[in-house]
Each structure stands twice: as C-alpha cells, then as structure tokens.
Amino acid sequence: MSGCINDWRLAFQGQLHRIDEHDFALIREALAAVMTQEGVPS
C-alpha cells in the first residue's frame, strides 16, 4: 500500500496551495495514523 501512500503524497503536494493550515494538520494526522497502522516509521 506504500505506492498508494506515495500517490496521496503527490496529490497533497499538488494541492498544498489550496489547503489551509487546519486542513493540512488533519491530513498529516490521518497520514500518520495510516503509516503507523502499516508499520512505517514516521
């Protein structure tokens, strides 16, 4: 699923200029939770 995460990262990087800090914080928390569940070190 790491390929999926990489796709999400690219999508977020492309949209960063449209995301405010609050939304970005929520996204980071969600990504961190997913990565933790998959055993990927932060």
C-alpha atoms as a PDB file:
ATOM      1  CA  MET A   1       0.000   0.000   0.000  1.00  0.00           C
ATOM      2  CA  SER A   2       3.060   2.235   0.150  1.00  0.00           C
ATOM      3  CA  GLY A   3       2.519   3.055  -3.518  1.00  0.00           C
ATOM      4  CA  CYS A   4      -0.928   4.297  -2.590  1.00  0.00           C
ATOM      5  CA  ILE A   5       0.557   6.499   0.131  1.00  0.00           C
ATOM      6  CA  ASN A   6       3.052   7.913  -2.357  1.00  0.00           C
ATOM      7  CA  ASP A   7       0.168   8.753  -4.708  1.00  0.00           C
ATOM      8  CA  TRP A   8      -1.603  10.539  -1.853  1.00  0.00           C
ATOM      9  CA  ARG A   9       1.550  12.473  -1.015  1.00  0.00           C
ATOM     10  CA  LEU A  10       1.903  13.622  -4.611  1.00  0.00           C
ATOM     11  CA  ALA A  11      -1.757  14.631  -4.687  1.00  0.00           C
ATOM     12  CA  PHE A  12      -1.389  16.612  -1.462  1.00  0.00           C
ATOM     13  CA  GLN A  13       1.792  18.294  -2.664  1.00  0.00           C
ATOM     14  CA  GLY A  14      -0.069  19.387  -5.797  1.00  0.00           C
ATOM     15  CA  GLN A  15      -2.916  20.806  -3.709  1.00  0.00           C
ATOM     16  CA  LEU A  16      -0.967  22.392  -0.859  1.00  0.00           C
ATOM     17  CA  HIS A  17      -1.641  25.910  -2.124  1.00  0.00           C
ATOM     18  CA  ARG A  18      -5.380  25.199  -1.758  1.00  0.00           C
ATOM     19  CA  ILE A  19      -5.238  23.692   1.739  1.00  0.00           C
ATOM     20  CA  ASP A  20      -5.300  25.877   4.832  1.00  0.00           C
ATOM     21  CA  GLU A  21      -3.231  25.047   7.907  1.00  0.00           C
ATOM     22  CA  HIS A  22      -6.131  23.418   9.781  1.00  0.00           C
ATOM     23  CA  ASP A  23      -6.945  21.062   6.910  1.00  0.00           C
ATOM     24  CA  PHE A  24      -3.252  20.298   6.439  1.00  0.00           C
ATOM     25  CA  ALA A  25      -2.946  19.371  10.119  1.00  0.00           C
ATOM     26  CA  LEU A  26      -5.873  16.957   9.789  1.00  0.00           C
ATOM     27  CA  ILE A  27      -4.329  15.435   6.666  1.00  0.00           C
ATOM     28  CA  ARG A  28      -0.970  14.985   8.407  1.00  0.00           C
ATOM     29  CA  GLU A  29      -2.691  13.277  11.350  1.00  0.00           C
ATOM     30  CA  ALA A  30      -4.575  10.959   9.007  1.00  0.00           C
ATOM     31  CA  LEU A  31      -1.416  10.080   7.076  1.00  0.00           C
ATOM     32  CA  ALA A  32       0.485   9.480  10.319  1.00  0.00           C
ATOM     33  CA  ALA A  33      -2.280   7.151  11.537  1.00  0.00           C
ATOM     34  CA  VAL A  34      -2.264   5.179   8.290  1.00  0.00           C
ATOM     35  CA  MET A  35       1.522   4.925   8.260  1.00  0.00           C
ATOM     36  CA  THR A  36       1.541   3.772  11.892  1.00  0.00           C
ATOM     37  CA  GLN A  37      -1.028   1.077  11.123  1.00  0.00           C
ATOM     38  CA  GLU A  38       1.166  -0.123   8.261  1.00  0.00           C
ATOM     39  CA  GLY A  39       4.257  -0.168  10.460  1.00  0.00           C
ATOM     40  CA  VAL A  40       6.070   2.583   8.572  1.00  0.00           C
ATOM     41  CA  PRO A  41       8.309   4.675  10.852  1.00  0.00           C
ATOM     42  CA  SER A  42       7.308   8.352  10.920  1.00  0.00           C
END
